[in-house]
């Protein structure tokens, strides 16, 4: 997975980055205000904080294993059972295939199910995209680090409790991390994936609330049970594969002298349609893989947000449940607006999560509203010593419907509003290439007497320069933010959360020379903050020249 013209010249470089889910927050120490005056007067002087070793002057042949500031999956204190889901070494594009069997010692209703991937790789290798499915249901989409000569190890955790219906019975398993191993690219990707099931125990933990069915959208048709009362679709949308759509946010109109072109510019939109009618829209997340922006030294210790745990776009399709409940197959199709005709590069595997009304064999109702604004997309090219493309795009969709269920009539209204503003600047030959971009994806879902509002914001502010002496430098900051709140008609707020995941990096090296002559230096930092009705998590990790320089927890 590489970038455009500057990056194409560097395609032979095999450098690294990765993700390792970090440990949980440390227990908070008592504050001075909680100590009595007498205790304070007799307490020994505090010991000085340990000093971290000074980082090396430049990158060597080894560095700290990849690390993120994101929290681990919270686990209940009940008995647990482990199942190995996949174990393979990926050298080519041959998928691993196996069979999953549910555990026998933890019952069939679980309070939580946690997936963990442990991987290791050494030598020289590109970053690779991978997926894992159980019974055809996509349960993980991930990418890999590029290794150091001495080798690295990484791991990823994910809460997969929502896939419980699929995991209750034996299922075929397929996993693929497409790879190439030869005399130049020597890194074999060695992974093991396990599932840990946490039992639901009376008086301690309840079974998790999960869908009744999870269906993979392996074709363009879907037939739902006739008593379906809630429908969510999740789409693991990624621009990838080494072509221009891996860096879709940098593409320019045809008139601009740039290596990655798209007739309508860089605006992209992930859409889902039911029987040809638009049912959901979303802004794709601008994922940056560990070879991204010409500079793997940025991502060696800390990857960009979501690089190793690709999160799906989620659509609430409940307003269309009445149409889908007629017992006939219906077309449910995912597309990415803005991709040039005939150009590939996007992957959009999808699952459909269904909840059924146990009190009725057939649930009826109607789609009452489907309104959208005219999609906006303007990409204006301004030539000059520093070429420039200014992009503004957006779209709004509202769908509504009702269902007559065994517990009364339930109306659902979903409104989603998208907006994208970006400024792309570059010089002749793309030796200087910069982007400032912001995506907003706001959603409101009203179901019965509860409204849930989510405001999402994704940001990139970065620049890569290639100097006349061959020194390449990238400075970049990335943001992944979301505010979610649930409100009831009476004004109460049963739940809320705020996420702020911010990455910054600055790395440089001498391009197009042997590895031992690159003299690479680089710093990176990530702060992951999440607050809400379920508590607080706040962690910062930082590195320099591959050495961990900070690991700070504030909650």
Protein backbone atom coordinates (compact mmCIF):
# COMPACT_ATOMS: atom_id res chain seq x y z
CA UNK A 1 0.00 0.00 0.00
CA UNK A 2 1.80 3.07 -1.25
CA UNK A 3 1.09 6.60 -2.31
CA UNK A 4 1.46 8.59 -5.57
CA UNK A 5 4.47 9.97 -7.49
CA UNK A 6 6.84 10.83 -4.63
CA UNK A 7 5.88 7.57 -2.97
CA UNK A 8 6.18 5.50 -6.14
CA UNK A 9 9.85 6.43 -6.31
CA UNK A 10 10.21 5.08 -2.78
CA UNK A 11 8.29 1.87 -3.36
CA UNK A 12 11.34 -0.30 -2.69
CA UNK A 13 11.59 0.98 0.87
CA UNK A 14 10.27 -1.46 3.46
CA UNK A 15 9.83 0.30 6.78
CA UNK A 16 7.40 -0.20 9.67
CA UNK A 17 4.51 0.80 11.91
CA UNK A 18 1.80 -1.10 13.79
CA UNK A 19 -0.79 -1.25 16.56
CA UNK A 20 -0.81 -2.86 19.96
CA UNK A 21 -3.76 -2.38 22.25
CA UNK A 22 -2.44 -0.84 25.43
CA UNK A 23 -3.07 -1.74 29.02
CA UNK A 24 -5.95 -0.23 30.97
CA UNK A 25 -5.81 2.92 33.06
CA UNK A 26 -3.73 2.87 36.19
CA UNK A 27 -5.41 3.32 39.56
CA UNK A 28 -5.48 7.00 40.52
CA UNK A 29 -3.27 7.99 43.45
CA UNK A 30 -4.69 10.06 46.35
CA UNK A 31 -4.45 13.78 45.76
CA UNK A 32 -2.76 16.09 48.27
CA UNK A 33 -6.18 17.40 49.30
CA UNK A 34 -7.11 13.96 50.67
CA UNK A 35 -4.18 13.82 53.07
CA UNK A 36 -4.43 15.22 56.60
CA UNK A 37 -2.06 17.97 57.69
CA UNK A 38 -0.36 15.64 60.17
CA UNK A 39 0.20 12.94 57.59
CA UNK A 40 1.56 15.48 55.16
CA UNK A 41 4.02 16.84 57.72
CA UNK A 42 5.49 13.41 58.52
CA UNK A 43 5.41 11.84 55.07
CA UNK A 44 8.79 11.16 53.45
CA UNK A 45 9.83 13.27 50.50
CA UNK A 46 8.48 11.84 47.24
CA UNK A 47 10.90 9.86 45.12
CA UNK A 48 11.82 11.47 41.81
CA UNK A 49 10.05 10.05 38.78
CA UNK A 50 12.21 7.55 36.86
CA UNK A 51 13.99 9.11 33.93
CA UNK A 52 13.42 7.42 30.59
CA UNK A 53 16.60 6.58 28.69
CA UNK A 54 17.49 9.13 26.06
CA UNK A 55 16.24 8.06 22.62
CA UNK A 56 18.84 7.14 20.00
CA UNK A 57 20.12 9.82 17.66
CA UNK A 58 18.40 8.12 14.72
CA UNK A 59 16.47 4.96 13.86
CA UNK A 60 18.46 1.74 14.02
CA UNK A 61 17.57 -1.84 13.07
CA UNK A 62 15.07 -2.29 15.91
CA UNK A 63 12.53 -0.22 17.79
CA UNK A 64 9.74 -0.44 20.34
CA UNK A 65 6.93 -2.80 19.46
CA UNK A 66 3.97 -0.92 17.96
CA UNK A 67 1.71 0.71 20.52
CA UNK A 68 -1.50 2.72 20.52
CA UNK A 69 -3.08 4.88 23.18
CA UNK A 70 -6.50 3.28 22.67
CA UNK A 71 -8.03 1.38 25.61
CA UNK A 72 -8.17 -2.39 25.86
CA UNK A 73 -11.55 -4.10 25.74
CA UNK A 74 -13.12 -4.15 29.22
CA UNK A 75 -13.62 -7.72 30.43
CA UNK A 76 -16.10 -8.96 33.05
CA UNK A 77 -14.87 -10.88 36.11
CA UNK A 78 -16.57 -14.16 35.25
CA UNK A 79 -15.30 -17.52 34.08
CA UNK A 80 -13.97 -17.48 30.54
CA UNK A 81 -13.25 -19.89 27.70
CA UNK A 82 -10.70 -19.47 24.91
CA UNK A 83 -11.05 -20.71 21.33
CA UNK A 84 -8.37 -20.44 18.66
CA UNK A 85 -10.08 -18.99 15.61
CA UNK A 86 -7.15 -18.92 13.16
CA UNK A 87 -3.41 -19.54 13.20
CA UNK A 88 -1.40 -19.04 10.03
CA UNK A 89 1.70 -17.69 8.33
CA UNK A 90 0.88 -15.52 5.34
CA UNK A 91 3.42 -15.63 2.51
CA UNK A 92 1.14 -15.12 -0.51
CA UNK A 93 -2.53 -14.67 -1.32
CA UNK A 94 -3.63 -18.11 -0.15
CA UNK A 95 -6.37 -17.73 2.50
CA UNK A 96 -6.40 -19.63 5.76
CA UNK A 97 -9.51 -21.81 6.04
CA UNK A 98 -10.64 -23.63 9.14
CA UNK A 99 -13.66 -24.48 11.27
CA UNK A 100 -14.88 -22.70 14.37
CA UNK A 101 -16.52 -24.69 17.19
CA UNK A 102 -18.16 -22.90 20.14
CA UNK A 103 -16.66 -23.43 23.60
CA UNK A 104 -18.32 -25.99 25.86
CA UNK A 105 -17.55 -24.58 29.30
CA UNK A 106 -19.15 -21.13 29.20
CA UNK A 107 -22.74 -21.79 28.15
CA UNK A 108 -24.32 -20.40 24.98
CA UNK A 109 -25.25 -16.91 26.20
CA UNK A 110 -22.26 -14.77 26.98
CA UNK A 111 -21.78 -11.42 28.66
CA UNK A 112 -18.93 -10.53 26.30
CA UNK A 113 -16.83 -12.00 23.49
CA UNK A 114 -13.37 -10.55 22.82
CA UNK A 115 -11.28 -11.19 19.72
CA UNK A 116 -7.50 -10.88 19.96
CA UNK A 117 -4.99 -10.98 17.12
CA UNK A 118 -1.32 -11.54 17.97
CA UNK A 119 1.16 -11.06 15.15
CA UNK A 120 4.87 -10.96 14.48
CA UNK A 121 7.00 -10.21 11.42
CA UNK A 122 10.66 -9.41 10.72
CA UNK A 123 12.85 -8.50 7.78
CA UNK A 124 11.46 -6.34 4.98
CA UNK A 125 7.82 -6.12 3.97
CA UNK A 126 5.06 -3.75 2.90
CA UNK A 127 1.98 -3.04 4.98
CA UNK A 128 -0.79 -5.49 4.09
CA UNK A 129 -4.57 -5.43 4.43
CA UNK A 130 -6.33 -8.37 6.04
CA UNK A 131 -9.79 -9.65 6.85
CA UNK A 132 -11.34 -12.42 8.94
CA UNK A 133 -14.81 -13.89 8.53
CA UNK A 134 -16.81 -16.47 10.50
CA UNK A 135 -19.73 -18.06 8.71
CA UNK A 136 -19.31 -15.41 6.01
CA UNK A 137 -19.71 -12.60 8.59
CA UNK A 138 -16.82 -10.12 8.55
CA UNK A 139 -15.62 -9.89 12.17
CA UNK A 140 -12.27 -8.11 11.67
CA UNK A 141 -10.68 -5.90 9.05
CA UNK A 142 -7.12 -4.92 9.79
CA UNK A 143 -3.74 -3.97 8.37
CA UNK A 144 -0.21 -4.86 9.38
CA UNK A 145 2.99 -3.14 10.41
CA UNK A 146 6.05 -2.97 8.20
CA UNK A 147 8.77 -4.80 10.14
CA UNK A 148 12.17 -3.85 11.45
CA UNK A 149 15.15 -6.00 10.42
CA UNK A 150 15.25 -7.42 13.96
CA UNK A 151 11.47 -8.07 14.05
CA UNK A 152 8.43 -6.74 15.86
CA UNK A 153 5.30 -8.11 17.53
CA UNK A 154 1.88 -6.50 17.81
CA UNK A 155 -1.65 -7.30 18.89
CA UNK A 156 -5.17 -6.02 18.36
CA UNK A 157 -8.25 -6.52 20.54
CA UNK A 158 -11.85 -6.10 19.46
CA UNK A 159 -15.24 -6.51 21.14
CA UNK A 160 -17.17 -8.91 18.88
CA UNK A 161 -20.10 -9.60 21.22
CA UNK A 162 -22.59 -8.36 18.63
CA UNK A 163 -21.73 -11.37 16.44
CA UNK A 164 -22.97 -13.79 19.14
CA UNK A 165 -25.76 -15.26 16.92
CA UNK A 166 -23.12 -16.40 14.42
CA UNK A 167 -20.81 -17.73 17.14
CA UNK A 168 -23.43 -19.99 18.77
CA UNK A 169 -22.86 -22.78 16.26
CA UNK A 170 -20.02 -24.33 14.22
CA UNK A 171 -18.95 -22.12 11.33
CA UNK A 172 -16.39 -22.02 8.52
CA UNK A 173 -13.55 -19.55 9.10
CA UNK A 174 -11.62 -17.67 6.44
CA UNK A 175 -8.73 -15.27 6.97
CA UNK A 176 -6.45 -13.59 4.47
CA UNK A 177 -3.59 -11.14 4.78
CA UNK A 178 -2.39 -11.02 1.18
CA UNK A 179 1.41 -10.96 1.10
CA UNK A 180 4.40 -11.36 -1.20
CA UNK A 181 7.60 -13.01 -0.01
CA UNK A 182 10.67 -13.14 -2.27
CA UNK A 183 14.38 -12.31 -2.20
CA UNK A 184 13.62 -8.63 -1.55
CA UNK A 185 10.49 -8.70 0.62
CA UNK A 186 11.29 -11.28 3.25
CA UNK A 187 8.69 -10.64 5.95
CA UNK A 188 6.39 -13.60 6.64
CA UNK A 189 3.31 -12.43 8.58
CA UNK A 190 2.71 -14.83 11.47
CA UNK A 191 -0.63 -14.42 13.27
CA UNK A 192 -2.82 -16.17 15.81
CA UNK A 193 -6.42 -15.11 16.46
CA UNK A 194 -8.34 -16.18 19.55
CA UNK A 195 -11.82 -15.60 20.93
CA UNK A 196 -12.40 -15.31 24.67
CA UNK A 197 -15.96 -15.95 25.85
CA UNK A 198 -17.10 -14.57 29.20
CA UNK A 199 -19.96 -16.49 30.75
CA UNK A 200 -23.16 -14.84 31.88
CA UNK A 201 -23.53 -15.77 35.55
CA UNK A 202 -26.65 -15.25 37.64
CA UNK A 203 -26.17 -12.47 40.15
CA UNK A 204 -22.95 -11.25 38.48
CA UNK A 205 -23.36 -10.52 34.79
CA UNK A 206 -26.33 -10.70 32.46
CA UNK A 207 -26.19 -12.04 28.91
CA UNK A 208 -25.29 -9.27 26.49
CA UNK A 209 -28.10 -7.73 24.47
CA UNK A 210 -27.34 -8.87 20.93
CA UNK A 211 -29.17 -9.13 17.60
CA UNK A 212 -31.26 -12.21 16.85
CA UNK A 213 -29.46 -12.76 13.55
CA UNK A 214 -26.35 -11.48 11.77
CA UNK A 215 -26.42 -11.99 8.00
CA UNK A 216 -23.45 -11.42 5.69
CA UNK A 217 -24.37 -9.35 2.66
CA UNK A 218 -22.51 -11.67 0.29
CA UNK A 219 -24.77 -10.86 -2.65
CA UNK A 220 -26.96 -7.95 -3.64
CA UNK A 221 -30.10 -9.59 -2.22
CA UNK A 222 -31.41 -9.84 1.32
CA UNK A 223 -34.42 -11.68 2.75
CA UNK A 224 -35.29 -10.81 6.34
CA UNK A 225 -37.54 -12.65 8.80
CA UNK A 226 -41.05 -11.28 8.56
CA UNK A 227 -41.10 -10.20 12.20
CA UNK A 228 -37.99 -8.02 12.01
CA UNK A 229 -38.35 -4.86 14.12
CA UNK A 230 -34.86 -3.35 13.96
CA UNK A 231 -32.19 -3.45 11.23
CA UNK A 232 -28.62 -2.20 11.28
CA UNK A 233 -26.16 -2.56 8.41
CA UNK A 234 -22.42 -2.27 8.94
CA UNK A 235 -19.97 -1.73 6.09
CA UNK A 236 -16.19 -2.15 6.45
CA UNK A 237 -15.39 0.45 3.80
CA UNK A 238 -11.71 0.92 2.94
CA UNK A 239 -9.90 2.52 0.05
CA UNK A 240 -6.88 0.29 -0.44
CA UNK A 241 -4.92 -1.93 -2.78
CA UNK A 242 -2.05 0.35 -3.76
CA UNK A 243 -3.90 2.47 -6.32
CA UNK A 244 -5.07 6.05 -6.13
CA UNK A 245 -8.19 5.21 -4.12
CA UNK A 246 -5.94 4.31 -1.21
CA UNK A 247 -5.29 8.08 -1.07
CA UNK A 248 -8.68 9.18 -2.39
CA UNK A 249 -8.60 12.39 -0.32
CA UNK A 250 -5.64 13.64 -2.42
CA UNK A 251 -7.13 13.01 -5.87
CA UNK A 252 -7.69 16.03 -8.11
CA UNK A 253 -9.95 16.96 -11.05
CA UNK A 254 -8.72 15.92 -14.49
CA UNK A 255 -7.51 19.44 -15.35
CA UNK A 256 -4.98 19.47 -12.51
CA UNK A 257 -1.39 18.23 -13.15
CA UNK A 258 -1.37 15.61 -10.40
CA UNK A 259 -0.61 11.89 -10.40
CA UNK A 260 -3.96 10.76 -8.91
CA UNK A 261 -7.02 12.04 -10.73
CA UNK A 262 -10.76 11.75 -10.31
CA UNK A 263 -13.14 13.64 -12.56
CA UNK A 264 -15.18 14.92 -9.61
CA UNK A 265 -12.27 15.45 -7.23
CA UNK A 266 -11.68 13.88 -3.81
CA UNK A 267 -15.19 13.92 -2.33
CA UNK A 268 -16.29 10.38 -1.43
CA UNK A 269 -19.47 9.07 0.14
CA UNK A 270 -20.35 5.52 1.21
CA UNK A 271 -23.97 4.79 0.30
CA UNK A 272 -26.41 1.95 0.89
CA UNK A 273 -29.60 1.50 -1.13
CA UNK A 274 -32.68 -0.72 -0.74
CA UNK A 275 -34.33 -1.72 -4.03
CA UNK A 276 -32.55 1.17 -5.72
CA UNK A 277 -33.72 3.77 -3.17
CA UNK A 278 -31.08 5.59 -1.15
CA UNK A 279 -31.33 4.35 2.44
CA UNK A 280 -28.12 5.59 4.10
CA UNK A 281 -25.10 7.85 3.55
CA UNK A 282 -21.81 8.19 5.43
CA UNK A 283 -18.41 9.87 5.21
CA UNK A 284 -15.60 7.33 4.84
CA UNK A 285 -12.86 7.48 7.45
CA UNK A 286 -9.56 8.66 5.90
CA UNK A 287 -7.49 5.68 7.04
CA UNK A 288 -3.72 6.02 6.68
CA UNK A 289 -1.85 2.72 6.59
CA UNK A 290 1.66 2.23 7.96
CA UNK A 291 3.41 3.04 4.68
CA UNK A 292 1.32 6.17 4.17
CA UNK A 293 2.43 9.66 3.24
CA UNK A 294 5.79 8.37 1.95
CA UNK A 295 7.06 8.02 5.48
CA UNK A 296 6.73 4.77 7.44
CA UNK A 297 9.01 6.26 10.13
CA UNK A 298 5.93 8.19 11.29
CA UNK A 299 4.10 5.00 12.19
CA UNK A 300 6.79 2.66 13.55
CA UNK A 301 5.73 2.91 17.19
CA UNK A 302 2.30 4.52 16.89
CA UNK A 303 0.04 3.89 13.87
CA UNK A 304 -2.56 6.31 12.60
CA UNK A 305 -6.02 6.01 14.21
CA UNK A 306 -7.97 2.89 13.17
CA UNK A 307 -5.16 1.50 11.02
CA UNK A 308 -5.23 -1.86 12.80
CA UNK A 309 -8.90 -1.97 13.76
CA UNK A 310 -10.96 -0.76 10.80
CA UNK A 311 -14.32 0.26 12.20
CA UNK A 312 -17.42 -0.24 10.06
CA UNK A 313 -19.80 2.46 8.94
CA UNK A 314 -23.15 1.71 10.60
CA UNK A 315 -26.54 2.53 9.11
CA UNK A 316 -29.93 2.28 10.83
CA UNK A 317 -32.23 0.77 8.19
CA UNK A 318 -35.22 0.28 10.53
CA UNK A 319 -37.41 2.71 8.51
CA UNK A 320 -37.18 0.17 5.65
CA UNK A 321 -38.13 -2.83 7.82
CA UNK A 322 -41.78 -2.79 6.74
CA UNK A 323 -40.75 -3.03 3.08
CA UNK A 324 -38.26 -5.81 3.80
CA UNK A 325 -40.68 -7.84 5.93
CA UNK A 326 -42.75 -9.11 3.00
CA UNK A 327 -40.86 -12.38 2.81
CA UNK A 328 -39.36 -11.66 -0.60
CA UNK A 329 -35.70 -11.04 -1.50
CA UNK A 330 -34.75 -7.37 -1.84
CA UNK A 331 -31.74 -5.67 -3.36
CA UNK A 332 -29.44 -4.13 -0.76
CA UNK A 333 -26.40 -2.57 -2.42
CA UNK A 334 -23.37 -0.63 -1.19
CA UNK A 335 -21.53 1.89 -3.38
CA UNK A 336 -18.91 4.62 -3.04
CA UNK A 337 -19.87 7.87 -4.74
CA UNK A 338 -17.06 9.86 -6.36
CA UNK A 339 -14.94 6.92 -7.54
CA UNK A 340 -14.11 7.34 -11.25
CA UNK A 341 -16.06 5.00 -13.52
CA UNK A 342 -14.27 1.71 -14.06
CA UNK A 343 -11.74 2.34 -11.28
CA UNK A 344 -11.49 -0.11 -8.40
CA UNK A 345 -9.70 0.25 -5.08
CA UNK A 346 -12.57 0.12 -2.58
CA UNK A 347 -13.59 -2.81 -0.45
CA UNK A 348 -17.06 -2.73 1.12
CA UNK A 349 -17.92 -6.03 2.90
CA UNK A 350 -21.17 -5.68 4.82
CA UNK A 351 -23.16 -7.41 7.55
CA UNK A 352 -26.84 -6.96 8.41
CA UNK A 353 -27.87 -7.17 12.07
CA UNK A 354 -31.52 -8.07 12.74
CA UNK A 355 -33.71 -7.91 15.84
CA UNK A 356 -37.01 -9.83 15.76
CA UNK A 357 -40.33 -9.29 17.56
CA UNK A 358 -40.80 -12.46 19.62
CA UNK A 359 -44.47 -11.59 20.14
CA UNK A 360 -45.47 -11.55 16.45
CA UNK A 361 -44.89 -13.74 13.42
CA UNK A 362 -45.30 -10.79 11.04
CA UNK A 363 -44.54 -7.13 11.75
CA UNK A 364 -46.11 -4.63 9.37
CA UNK A 365 -45.77 -0.90 8.88
CA UNK A 366 -44.68 1.59 6.25
CA UNK A 367 -41.87 3.78 4.98
CA UNK A 368 -43.31 7.26 5.43
CA UNK A 369 -40.52 9.60 4.37
CA UNK A 370 -37.40 9.53 2.21
CA UNK A 371 -35.97 12.96 1.43
CA UNK A 372 -32.49 14.05 0.41
CA UNK A 373 -30.77 17.27 -0.50
CA UNK A 374 -29.07 17.67 -3.84
CA UNK A 375 -25.56 16.24 -3.31
CA UNK A 376 -23.02 19.08 -3.32
CA UNK A 377 -19.52 18.65 -4.71
CA UNK A 378 -17.20 21.39 -5.90
CA UNK A 379 -13.49 20.85 -6.59
CA UNK A 380 -11.89 24.04 -7.95
CA UNK A 381 -8.36 23.88 -9.37
CA UNK A 382 -6.16 26.99 -9.22
CA UNK A 383 -2.82 26.68 -11.06
CA UNK A 384 0.35 28.40 -9.90
CA UNK A 385 3.82 27.85 -8.52
CA UNK A 386 1.90 26.07 -5.80
CA UNK A 387 -1.09 24.36 -7.41
CA UNK A 388 -4.26 24.22 -5.36
CA UNK A 389 -7.59 22.39 -5.27
CA UNK A 390 -10.35 23.63 -2.97
CA UNK A 391 -13.08 21.06 -2.32
CA UNK A 392 -16.49 21.49 -0.73
CA UNK A 393 -18.98 18.65 -0.61
CA UNK A 394 -22.00 17.56 1.37
CA UNK A 395 -25.28 15.70 1.44
CA UNK A 396 -28.31 15.29 3.71
CA UNK A 397 -30.72 12.36 3.92
CA UNK A 398 -33.80 11.77 6.08
CA UNK A 399 -35.73 8.50 6.12
CA UNK A 400 -38.65 7.62 8.41
CA UNK A 401 -41.07 4.79 8.93
CA UNK A 402 -43.16 2.97 11.51
CA UNK A 403 -43.79 -0.60 12.62
CA UNK A 404 -46.80 -2.08 14.40
CA UNK A 405 -45.12 -4.39 16.87
CA UNK A 406 -46.40 -6.57 19.72
CA UNK A 407 -45.48 -3.71 22.06
CA UNK A 408 -47.20 -0.98 20.07
CA UNK A 409 -46.47 1.28 17.14
CA UNK A 410 -42.83 2.38 16.97
CA UNK A 411 -41.78 5.20 14.66
CA UNK A 412 -38.15 5.63 13.58
CA UNK A 413 -36.60 8.67 11.90
CA UNK A 414 -32.98 8.77 10.75
CA UNK A 415 -31.27 11.95 9.54
CA UNK A 416 -27.66 12.07 8.39
CA UNK A 417 -25.76 15.18 7.26
CA UNK A 418 -22.33 15.06 5.64
CA UNK A 419 -19.86 17.85 4.91
CA UNK A 420 -16.27 17.90 3.62
CA UNK A 421 -13.92 20.86 3.19
CA UNK A 422 -10.34 20.42 2.03
CA UNK A 423 -7.44 22.39 0.57
CA UNK A 424 -4.80 20.46 -1.37
CA UNK A 425 -1.57 22.27 -2.35
CA UNK A 426 1.41 20.92 -4.30
CA UNK A 427 4.33 22.06 -6.42
CA UNK A 428 5.54 20.84 -9.80
CA UNK A 429 6.81 17.29 -9.54
CA UNK A 430 4.89 16.95 -6.25
CA UNK A 431 8.08 17.53 -4.27
CA UNK A 432 5.91 19.52 -1.90
CA UNK A 433 2.48 18.06 -1.23
CA UNK A 434 0.10 19.26 1.50
CA UNK A 435 -3.50 18.68 2.59
CA UNK A 436 -5.76 20.30 5.13
CA UNK A 437 -9.10 18.49 5.31
CA UNK A 438 -12.12 18.12 7.57
CA UNK A 439 -15.04 15.69 7.31
CA UNK A 440 -18.23 15.99 9.36
CA UNK A 441 -20.77 13.17 9.66
CA UNK A 442 -23.72 14.06 11.91
CA UNK A 443 -26.51 11.60 12.62
CA UNK A 444 -29.78 11.70 14.53
CA UNK A 445 -31.88 8.59 15.17
CA UNK A 446 -35.27 8.90 16.88
CA UNK A 447 -36.87 5.60 17.85
CA UNK A 448 -40.01 5.81 19.91
CA UNK A 449 -39.36 8.33 22.68
CA UNK A 450 -35.56 8.31 22.53
CA UNK A 451 -33.29 10.32 20.23
CA UNK A 452 -29.60 9.52 19.83
CA UNK A 453 -27.40 12.18 18.25
CA UNK A 454 -23.83 11.58 17.07
CA UNK A 455 -21.46 14.22 15.71
CA UNK A 456 -18.36 12.78 14.04
CA UNK A 457 -15.34 14.74 12.84
CA UNK A 458 -12.25 13.46 10.98
CA UNK A 459 -9.27 15.72 10.23
CA UNK A 460 -5.96 15.64 8.35
CA UNK A 461 -3.39 18.43 8.35
CA UNK A 462 -0.17 17.24 6.74
CA UNK A 463 2.68 18.09 4.38
CA UNK A 464 5.41 16.04 2.71
CA UNK A 465 8.45 17.71 1.16
CA UNK A 466 11.36 16.24 -0.82
CA UNK A 467 14.35 18.60 -0.71
CA UNK A 468 17.00 18.92 -3.40
CA UNK A 469 19.46 16.97 -1.20
CA UNK A 470 17.06 14.01 -1.18
CA UNK A 471 15.86 14.57 2.36
CA UNK A 472 12.16 13.70 2.70
CA UNK A 473 10.15 15.08 5.61
CA UNK A 474 6.52 14.60 6.60
CA UNK A 475 4.74 16.61 9.29
CA UNK A 476 1.16 15.55 10.02
CA UNK A 477 -1.66 15.68 12.55
CA UNK A 478 -4.80 13.53 12.50
CA UNK A 479 -8.05 13.68 14.42
CA UNK A 480 -10.87 11.20 15.07
CA UNK A 481 -13.61 12.71 17.21
CA UNK A 482 -17.20 11.81 18.09
CA UNK A 483 -19.81 13.15 20.51
CA UNK A 484 -22.84 10.93 21.21
CA UNK A 485 -25.80 11.62 23.46
CA UNK A 486 -29.13 9.88 24.02
CA UNK A 487 -32.10 12.02 25.04
CA UNK A 488 -35.59 11.03 26.16
CA UNK A 489 -38.78 13.03 25.66
CA UNK A 490 -38.76 14.02 29.34
CA UNK A 491 -35.35 15.65 28.90
CA UNK A 492 -33.31 13.02 30.72
CA UNK A 493 -29.96 11.93 29.32
CA UNK A 494 -29.49 8.18 29.90
CA UNK A 495 -26.11 7.99 28.20
CA UNK A 496 -23.43 10.14 26.58
CA UNK A 497 -19.84 9.82 25.41
CA UNK A 498 -17.09 11.97 23.93
CA UNK A 499 -14.13 10.62 21.96
CA UNK A 500 -11.03 12.60 20.98
CA UNK A 501 -8.21 10.59 19.38
CA UNK A 502 -5.40 12.88 18.20
CA UNK A 503 -2.14 11.89 16.49
CA UNK A 504 0.86 14.07 15.58
CA UNK A 505 4.07 13.07 13.81
CA UNK A 506 7.23 14.57 12.30
CA UNK A 507 9.74 12.31 10.54
CA UNK A 508 12.48 12.67 7.94
CA UNK A 509 15.06 10.51 6.18
CA UNK A 510 17.30 10.50 3.12
CA UNK A 511 15.45 8.86 0.24
CA UNK A 512 16.73 6.51 -2.45
CA UNK A 513 19.82 5.34 -0.55
CA UNK A 514 20.64 2.05 1.20
CA UNK A 515 18.98 1.52 4.57
CA UNK A 516 22.11 2.24 6.60
CA UNK A 517 22.48 5.64 4.92
CA UNK A 518 18.96 6.99 5.53
CA UNK A 519 19.75 8.63 8.89
CA UNK A 520 16.06 8.64 9.77
CA UNK A 521 14.67 10.59 12.69
CA UNK A 522 11.08 10.96 13.80
CA UNK A 523 8.75 11.72 16.67
CA UNK A 524 5.14 10.64 17.11
CA UNK A 525 2.48 11.15 19.75
CA UNK A 526 -1.09 9.99 20.27
CA UNK A 527 -3.55 11.07 22.94
CA UNK A 528 -6.75 9.04 23.21
CA UNK A 529 -9.45 10.55 25.44
CA UNK A 530 -12.88 9.10 26.05
CA UNK A 531 -15.30 10.40 28.67
CA UNK A 532 -18.95 9.71 29.27
CA UNK A 533 -21.62 8.15 31.40
CA UNK A 534 -19.58 4.93 31.60
CA UNK A 535 -16.40 6.56 32.93
CA UNK A 536 -13.17 8.12 31.76
CA UNK A 537 -10.10 6.97 29.84
CA UNK A 538 -7.17 9.23 28.95
CA UNK A 539 -3.78 8.02 27.74
CA UNK A 540 -0.86 9.57 25.87
CA UNK A 541 2.00 7.67 24.25
CA UNK A 542 4.97 9.28 22.52
CA UNK A 543 8.16 8.11 20.84
CA UNK A 544 11.37 9.42 19.28
CA UNK A 545 13.55 7.47 16.83
CA UNK A 546 11.60 4.34 17.71
CA UNK A 547 12.07 4.58 21.49
CA UNK A 548 9.06 5.06 23.76
CA UNK A 549 9.47 8.41 25.53
CA UNK A 550 6.10 8.78 27.24
CA UNK A 551 3.24 6.60 28.43
CA UNK A 552 0.96 8.76 30.55
CA UNK A 553 -2.48 7.91 31.96
CA UNK A 554 -4.66 10.63 33.41
CA UNK A 555 -7.89 8.83 34.42
